[in-house]
N, C-alpha and C. Protein backbone atom coordinates (compact mmCIF):
# COMPACT_ATOMS: atom_id res chain seq x y z
N MET A 1 132.49 163.96 80.24
CA MET A 1 132.00 162.77 80.64
C MET A 1 130.37 162.37 80.70
N THR A 2 130.02 162.93 79.77
CA THR A 2 128.13 163.09 79.57
C THR A 2 127.94 161.69 78.59
N VAL A 3 126.61 161.60 78.76
CA VAL A 3 125.81 160.83 78.46
C VAL A 3 124.69 161.61 77.26
N GLU A 4 124.62 160.82 75.94
CA GLU A 4 123.57 161.30 75.12
C GLU A 4 122.41 160.94 75.68
N GLN A 5 120.98 161.63 75.54
CA GLN A 5 119.47 161.15 75.74
C GLN A 5 118.86 161.90 74.78
N ILE A 6 118.08 161.11 74.55
CA ILE A 6 117.13 161.52 73.29
C ILE A 6 115.84 161.70 74.23
N SER A 7 114.97 163.26 73.92
CA SER A 7 113.92 163.41 74.35
C SER A 7 113.01 163.55 73.21
N ILE A 8 111.38 163.53 73.66
CA ILE A 8 110.65 163.10 72.80
C ILE A 8 109.43 163.60 73.22
N PHE A 9 108.76 164.38 72.34
CA PHE A 9 107.69 164.94 72.90
C PHE A 9 106.47 164.48 71.90
N ILE A 10 105.57 164.08 73.01
CA ILE A 10 104.50 163.12 72.63
C ILE A 10 103.19 163.79 73.06
N GLU A 11 102.07 163.45 72.22
CA GLU A 11 100.59 163.65 72.57
C GLU A 11 100.58 162.70 73.86
N ASN A 12 99.38 162.94 74.88
CA ASN A 12 99.32 162.00 75.87
C ASN A 12 97.87 161.71 75.65
N LYS A 13 98.00 160.27 74.85
CA LYS A 13 97.31 159.46 74.63
C LYS A 13 97.72 158.36 74.21
N SER A 14 96.27 157.64 74.39
CA SER A 14 96.83 156.07 74.18
C SER A 14 97.36 155.50 72.75
N GLY A 15 98.62 154.84 73.23
CA GLY A 15 99.48 153.79 72.26
C GLY A 15 100.23 154.69 71.55
N ARG A 16 100.42 155.76 72.14
CA ARG A 16 101.84 156.81 71.54
C ARG A 16 103.20 156.09 72.30
N LEU A 17 103.47 155.66 73.56
CA LEU A 17 104.51 154.89 73.94
C LEU A 17 104.60 153.87 73.33
N ALA A 18 103.52 153.04 72.78
CA ALA A 18 103.70 151.63 72.16
C ALA A 18 104.35 151.75 70.63
N GLU A 19 103.43 153.03 70.02
CA GLU A 19 104.51 153.73 69.02
C GLU A 19 105.53 153.77 68.91
N ILE A 20 106.10 154.24 69.60
CA ILE A 20 107.30 154.88 69.94
C ILE A 20 108.20 153.69 69.91
N THR A 21 107.97 152.75 70.93
CA THR A 21 108.96 151.32 71.45
C THR A 21 108.94 150.49 70.43
N ARG A 22 107.65 150.48 69.76
CA ARG A 22 107.47 149.36 68.45
C ARG A 22 108.60 150.39 67.00
N ILE A 23 108.50 151.26 67.09
CA ILE A 23 109.29 152.10 65.65
C ILE A 23 111.14 151.94 66.55
N LEU A 24 111.60 151.93 67.70
CA LEU A 24 112.76 151.73 67.94
C LEU A 24 112.97 150.41 67.94
N GLY A 25 112.12 149.31 68.25
CA GLY A 25 112.68 148.10 68.54
C GLY A 25 112.55 147.47 67.05
N ASP A 26 111.96 148.14 65.81
CA ASP A 26 112.02 147.92 64.03
C ASP A 26 113.30 147.87 63.64
N VAL A 27 114.32 149.18 64.55
CA VAL A 27 115.24 149.27 64.03
C VAL A 27 116.33 148.99 65.08
N ASP A 28 115.97 147.78 65.69
CA ASP A 28 117.00 147.49 66.73
C ASP A 28 117.74 148.57 67.71
N ILE A 29 116.86 149.41 68.45
CA ILE A 29 117.30 150.49 69.07
C ILE A 29 117.09 149.94 70.79
N ASN A 30 118.08 149.72 71.44
CA ASN A 30 117.76 149.17 72.38
C ASN A 30 117.41 150.44 73.71
N ILE A 31 116.46 150.46 74.26
CA ILE A 31 116.36 151.44 75.65
C ILE A 31 117.40 150.85 76.68
N ARG A 32 117.98 151.94 77.09
CA ARG A 32 118.70 151.32 78.53
C ARG A 32 118.16 152.01 79.76
N ALA A 33 117.64 153.25 79.43
CA ALA A 33 116.86 153.93 80.77
C ALA A 33 115.96 154.80 80.32
N LEU A 34 114.95 155.21 80.60
CA LEU A 34 113.71 156.29 80.40
C LEU A 34 112.86 156.55 81.89
N SER A 35 112.41 158.41 81.26
CA SER A 35 111.52 158.55 82.16
C SER A 35 110.44 159.38 81.43
N LEU A 36 109.48 159.40 82.10
CA LEU A 36 108.24 160.19 81.13
C LEU A 36 107.70 161.15 82.08
N ALA A 37 107.68 162.30 81.84
CA ALA A 37 107.21 163.44 82.53
C ALA A 37 105.37 163.70 81.93
N ASP A 38 104.61 163.65 82.48
CA ASP A 38 103.38 164.49 81.01
C ASP A 38 102.60 165.49 82.01
N THR A 39 101.63 165.93 81.46
CA THR A 39 100.85 167.05 81.46
C THR A 39 99.15 166.58 81.09
N SER A 40 97.75 167.01 80.81
CA SER A 40 97.34 166.87 80.82
C SER A 40 96.92 166.31 78.89
N ASP A 41 97.99 167.50 78.26
CA ASP A 41 98.03 167.60 77.22
C ASP A 41 99.05 166.53 76.19
N PHE A 42 100.40 166.65 76.60
CA PHE A 42 101.56 166.13 76.28
C PHE A 42 102.02 165.43 77.49
N GLY A 43 103.63 165.09 76.76
CA GLY A 43 104.70 164.11 77.18
C GLY A 43 106.03 163.87 77.47
N ILE A 44 106.95 164.58 78.22
CA ILE A 44 108.17 164.07 77.25
C ILE A 44 109.38 163.03 77.93
N LEU A 45 109.09 162.15 76.72
CA LEU A 45 109.89 160.95 77.13
C LEU A 45 111.29 161.28 76.61
N ARG A 46 112.37 160.72 78.05
CA ARG A 46 113.32 160.86 78.09
C ARG A 46 114.29 159.41 77.85
N LEU A 47 115.20 159.27 77.06
CA LEU A 47 115.65 157.67 77.04
C LEU A 47 117.08 157.93 76.80
N ILE A 48 117.57 156.55 77.33
CA ILE A 48 119.37 156.49 76.94
C ILE A 48 119.03 155.43 76.06
N VAL A 49 119.45 155.64 75.00
CA VAL A 49 119.12 154.25 74.01
C VAL A 49 120.72 153.81 73.44
N ASN A 50 120.68 152.56 72.98
CA ASN A 50 122.56 152.07 72.58
C ASN A 50 122.75 153.41 71.08
N ASP A 51 121.90 153.86 70.16
CA ASP A 51 122.34 154.33 68.95
C ASP A 51 121.41 155.83 69.11
N GLY A 52 121.88 156.93 70.11
CA GLY A 52 120.64 158.21 69.82
C GLY A 52 120.73 158.90 68.62
N VAL A 53 122.28 158.80 67.83
CA VAL A 53 121.21 159.48 65.91
C VAL A 53 120.63 158.49 65.29
N LYS A 54 120.55 157.34 65.55
CA LYS A 54 119.53 156.71 64.59
C LYS A 54 118.33 156.73 65.09
N ALA A 55 118.07 156.51 66.40
CA ALA A 55 116.72 156.97 67.27
C ALA A 55 116.42 158.21 67.00
N THR A 56 116.99 158.98 67.03
CA THR A 56 116.41 160.55 66.66
C THR A 56 116.22 160.35 65.34
N SER A 57 116.76 160.26 64.31
CA SER A 57 116.50 160.08 62.70
C SER A 57 115.12 159.46 62.66
N VAL A 58 115.21 158.07 63.09
CA VAL A 58 114.01 157.28 62.96
C VAL A 58 112.91 158.09 63.43
N LEU A 59 112.61 158.41 64.69
CA LEU A 59 111.85 158.95 65.16
C LEU A 59 111.12 160.34 64.48
N LYS A 60 111.90 161.12 63.78
CA LYS A 60 111.71 162.37 63.23
C LYS A 60 110.85 162.02 62.01
N GLU A 61 111.63 160.90 61.06
CA GLU A 61 110.84 160.66 60.10
C GLU A 61 109.36 159.56 60.12
N HIS A 62 109.20 159.58 61.97
CA HIS A 62 107.80 159.41 61.92
C HIS A 62 106.73 160.64 62.44
N GLY A 63 107.53 161.40 62.06
CA GLY A 63 107.10 162.56 62.86
C GLY A 63 106.93 163.02 64.21
N PHE A 64 107.63 162.61 65.05
CA PHE A 64 108.15 163.23 66.14
C PHE A 64 108.95 164.19 66.42
N THR A 65 108.70 164.98 67.35
CA THR A 65 109.97 166.40 67.84
C THR A 65 110.55 165.92 69.00
N VAL A 66 111.81 165.62 67.98
CA VAL A 66 113.05 164.79 69.33
C VAL A 66 114.38 165.88 69.26
N ASN A 67 114.90 165.77 70.46
CA ASN A 67 116.14 166.41 70.59
C ASN A 67 116.80 165.66 71.17
N MET A 68 118.25 165.69 71.46
CA MET A 68 119.37 165.09 71.91
C MET A 68 119.81 166.16 72.93
N THR A 69 119.94 165.38 74.15
CA THR A 69 120.78 166.41 75.33
C THR A 69 121.97 165.78 75.73
N GLU A 70 122.68 166.32 76.47
CA GLU A 70 123.72 165.64 77.43
C GLU A 70 123.39 165.78 78.87
N VAL A 71 123.46 164.60 79.43
CA VAL A 71 122.96 164.44 80.77
C VAL A 71 124.26 163.45 81.66
N VAL A 72 124.33 163.29 82.84
CA VAL A 72 125.54 162.77 83.39
C VAL A 72 124.92 161.69 84.02
N ALA A 73 125.58 160.55 84.01
CA ALA A 73 125.25 158.96 84.55
C ALA A 73 126.20 158.89 86.01
N VAL A 74 125.88 158.80 87.00
CA VAL A 74 126.84 158.71 88.23
C VAL A 74 126.20 157.39 89.15
N GLU A 75 127.55 156.70 89.30
CA GLU A 75 127.13 155.85 90.46
C GLU A 75 126.74 156.30 91.72
N VAL A 76 125.89 155.79 92.31
CA VAL A 76 125.42 156.05 93.98
C VAL A 76 125.22 154.83 94.21
N PRO A 77 125.93 155.23 95.62
CA PRO A 77 126.11 154.02 96.52
C PRO A 77 124.79 153.10 97.07
N ASP A 78 124.27 152.15 97.02
CA ASP A 78 122.74 151.42 97.20
C ASP A 78 123.11 151.26 98.60
N ARG A 79 122.84 151.91 99.17
CA ARG A 79 122.65 152.17 100.65
C ARG A 79 121.81 153.52 101.31
N PRO A 80 121.24 152.99 102.47
CA PRO A 80 120.61 154.44 102.89
C PRO A 80 121.93 156.17 103.07
N GLY A 81 121.27 156.93 102.64
CA GLY A 81 122.08 157.97 102.41
C GLY A 81 123.00 158.37 101.30
N GLY A 82 122.96 157.10 100.11
CA GLY A 82 124.02 157.15 99.18
C GLY A 82 123.40 158.41 98.40
N LEU A 83 122.71 158.71 97.70
CA LEU A 83 122.19 159.69 96.75
C LEU A 83 122.31 161.29 97.64
N SER A 84 122.06 161.05 98.84
CA SER A 84 122.27 162.32 99.76
C SER A 84 123.10 162.98 99.95
N ALA A 85 124.46 161.93 99.76
CA ALA A 85 126.19 162.53 100.16
C ALA A 85 126.01 163.39 98.66
N ILE A 86 125.64 162.66 97.17
CA ILE A 86 125.96 163.56 96.00
C ILE A 86 125.03 164.75 96.13
N LEU A 87 123.72 164.41 96.32
CA LEU A 87 123.12 165.90 96.60
C LEU A 87 123.54 166.83 97.63
N GLN A 88 123.68 166.69 98.63
CA GLN A 88 124.63 167.69 99.42
C GLN A 88 125.83 168.18 99.00
N THR A 89 126.54 167.35 98.48
CA THR A 89 127.85 167.93 97.50
C THR A 89 127.62 168.99 96.39
N LEU A 90 126.93 168.84 95.78
CA LEU A 90 126.43 169.63 94.62
C LEU A 90 125.71 170.92 95.38
N ASP A 91 124.84 170.66 96.36
CA ASP A 91 124.49 171.69 97.20
C ASP A 91 125.52 172.64 97.59
N ARG A 92 126.36 171.99 98.24
CA ARG A 92 127.54 173.42 98.57
C ARG A 92 128.22 173.84 97.84
N GLU A 93 127.72 173.79 96.41
CA GLU A 93 128.46 174.14 95.61
C GLU A 93 127.43 175.03 94.56
N ALA A 94 126.28 174.91 94.89
CA ALA A 94 125.26 176.00 94.61
C ALA A 94 124.77 175.14 93.04
N ILE A 95 124.99 174.13 93.00
CA ILE A 95 124.45 173.51 91.43
C ILE A 95 123.61 172.93 91.33
N ASN A 96 122.43 173.38 90.29
CA ASN A 96 120.99 173.19 90.48
C ASN A 96 120.75 171.54 89.77
N VAL A 97 119.80 170.90 90.16
CA VAL A 97 119.94 169.55 89.52
C VAL A 97 118.10 170.17 88.61
N GLU A 98 118.10 170.15 87.30
CA GLU A 98 117.21 170.09 86.88
C GLU A 98 116.29 168.86 87.00
N TYR A 99 116.81 167.75 86.16
CA TYR A 99 115.84 166.53 86.85
C TYR A 99 116.79 165.57 86.93
N MET A 100 116.33 164.67 87.79
CA MET A 100 117.08 162.96 87.76
C MET A 100 116.19 162.00 87.74
N TYR A 101 116.76 160.75 86.78
CA TYR A 101 115.86 159.57 87.07
C TYR A 101 117.22 158.42 87.36
N ALA A 102 116.68 157.30 87.74
CA ALA A 102 117.44 156.19 87.91
C ALA A 102 117.27 155.17 86.84
N PHE A 103 118.66 154.87 86.66
CA PHE A 103 119.20 153.65 85.35
C PHE A 103 118.38 152.61 86.02
N VAL A 104 117.97 151.87 85.07
CA VAL A 104 117.23 150.40 85.93
C VAL A 104 118.47 149.26 85.97
N GLU A 105 119.63 149.25 85.36
CA GLU A 105 120.63 148.45 85.45
C GLU A 105 121.55 148.81 86.90
N ARG A 106 122.25 147.81 87.50
CA ARG A 106 123.28 148.47 88.08
C ARG A 106 124.31 148.33 88.25
N CYS A 107 125.60 148.50 88.61
CA CYS A 107 127.04 148.83 88.41
C CYS A 107 127.72 148.16 89.36
N GLY A 108 127.96 147.15 89.36
CA GLY A 108 128.28 146.65 90.85
C GLY A 108 127.41 146.51 91.88
N GLY A 109 128.09 146.78 92.96
CA GLY A 109 127.23 147.48 94.22
C GLY A 109 126.56 148.47 94.02
N ASN A 110 126.27 149.50 93.32
CA ASN A 110 125.79 150.47 92.92
C ASN A 110 124.40 150.88 91.91
N ALA A 111 123.82 151.70 92.14
CA ALA A 111 122.54 152.05 91.56
C ALA A 111 123.32 153.22 90.31
N VAL A 112 122.78 153.28 89.55
CA VAL A 112 123.00 154.80 88.42
C VAL A 112 122.05 155.52 88.33
N ILE A 113 122.34 156.84 89.19
CA ILE A 113 121.21 157.73 88.56
C ILE A 113 121.54 158.48 87.19
N ILE A 114 120.48 159.30 86.59
CA ILE A 114 121.24 160.14 85.31
C ILE A 114 120.62 161.79 85.73
N PHE A 115 121.59 162.67 85.76
CA PHE A 115 121.32 163.59 86.30
C PHE A 115 121.26 164.93 84.84
N ARG A 116 120.55 165.55 85.14
CA ARG A 116 120.48 166.99 84.29
C ARG A 116 120.70 168.15 84.90
N PHE A 117 122.06 168.70 85.00
CA PHE A 117 122.37 169.84 85.40
C PHE A 117 122.15 171.43 84.54
N ASP A 118 122.08 172.34 85.01
CA ASP A 118 122.28 173.59 84.93
C ASP A 118 123.62 173.82 84.34
N GLU A 119 124.58 173.28 85.10
CA GLU A 119 126.02 173.70 84.77
C GLU A 119 126.60 172.77 84.85
N ALA A 120 126.47 171.66 83.75
CA ALA A 120 126.78 170.34 83.89
C ALA A 120 128.61 170.40 83.79
N ASP A 121 129.36 170.89 83.31
CA ASP A 121 130.81 171.00 83.26
C ASP A 121 131.30 171.18 85.06
N LYS A 122 130.38 172.08 85.48
CA LYS A 122 131.14 172.26 87.07
C LYS A 122 130.49 171.33 87.55
N ALA A 123 129.18 170.70 87.37
CA ALA A 123 129.01 169.25 88.37
C ALA A 123 129.79 168.39 88.52
N ILE A 124 130.52 168.30 86.74
CA ILE A 124 131.22 167.00 86.60
C ILE A 124 132.39 167.23 87.47
N ALA A 125 133.30 168.26 87.26
CA ALA A 125 134.26 168.99 87.94
C ALA A 125 134.34 168.77 89.48
N VAL A 126 132.71 169.21 90.34
CA VAL A 126 132.74 168.75 91.61
C VAL A 126 132.68 167.62 92.10
N LEU A 127 132.04 166.68 91.06
CA LEU A 127 131.80 165.21 91.53
C LEU A 127 133.02 164.25 91.42
N LYS A 128 133.56 164.99 90.37
CA LYS A 128 135.31 164.36 90.31
C LYS A 128 136.17 164.40 91.85
N ASN A 129 136.15 165.73 91.68
CA ASN A 129 136.81 166.10 93.24
C ASN A 129 136.02 165.60 94.28
N ASN A 130 135.16 165.11 94.33
CA ASN A 130 135.11 164.55 95.56
C ASN A 130 134.43 162.69 95.13
N ASN A 131 135.48 162.38 94.04
CA ASN A 131 135.58 160.94 94.34
C ASN A 131 134.34 159.95 93.77
N PHE A 132 133.10 160.87 93.21
CA PHE A 132 131.76 159.98 92.87
C PHE A 132 132.24 159.67 91.47
N ASN A 133 132.48 158.54 91.09
CA ASN A 133 132.21 157.67 89.66
C ASN A 133 131.08 157.93 88.82
N MET A 134 131.50 158.37 88.07
CA MET A 134 130.86 158.69 86.70
C MET A 134 130.87 158.10 85.39
N LEU A 135 129.77 157.67 84.61
CA LEU A 135 129.81 156.68 83.32
C LEU A 135 129.71 156.99 82.12
N GLU A 136 130.84 156.79 81.72
CA GLU A 136 130.51 157.08 79.86
C GLU A 136 129.22 156.59 79.43
N GLY A 137 129.24 157.13 78.06
CA GLY A 137 127.84 156.56 77.25
C GLY A 137 128.29 154.96 76.99
N SER A 138 129.52 154.80 76.62
CA SER A 138 129.75 153.10 76.08
C SER A 138 129.66 152.52 77.41
N GLN A 139 129.64 152.73 78.44
CA GLN A 139 129.36 151.77 79.39
C GLN A 139 128.00 151.53 79.98
N LEU A 140 127.01 152.47 79.56
CA LEU A 140 125.44 152.28 79.47
C LEU A 140 125.06 151.83 78.27
N TYR A 141 125.45 152.57 77.36
CA TYR A 141 124.65 151.64 75.92
C TYR A 141 124.82 150.62 75.90
N ASN A 142 125.95 150.14 76.29
CA ASN A 142 125.70 148.46 76.21
C ASN A 142 126.03 147.38 76.91
N LEU A 143 125.10 147.91 78.19
CA LEU A 143 124.82 147.23 78.77
C LEU A 143 124.03 145.89 78.75
């Protein structure tokens, strides 16, 4: 129960984000979620899009370094302590969260958080066993 995410390595200079979004828009790729981490010289733009294979291909054609990874999308109760409950459950099982970011859409009365785990299969099993709802990629790509 994972979701495809693309990661794009970009120079930290004016216009690079605009270029990526233009390229994707020109081929009808819809960005569903994003995260940007940067240093003084480069950044890593992480995207969930409606067609990861096509996005990866077109960005590589334009000279970008792109890879695809699997992440987990988890519904989080939109209330104080909702995220804490998930993180405490993972901590009890010694599962490390490499990074996470919020998804911009709402799913019912819940928020959606994208997680990258060091042990994704173990994390998925723990979340399922503790009745946390995870979303399939198709649920995110076409919202």
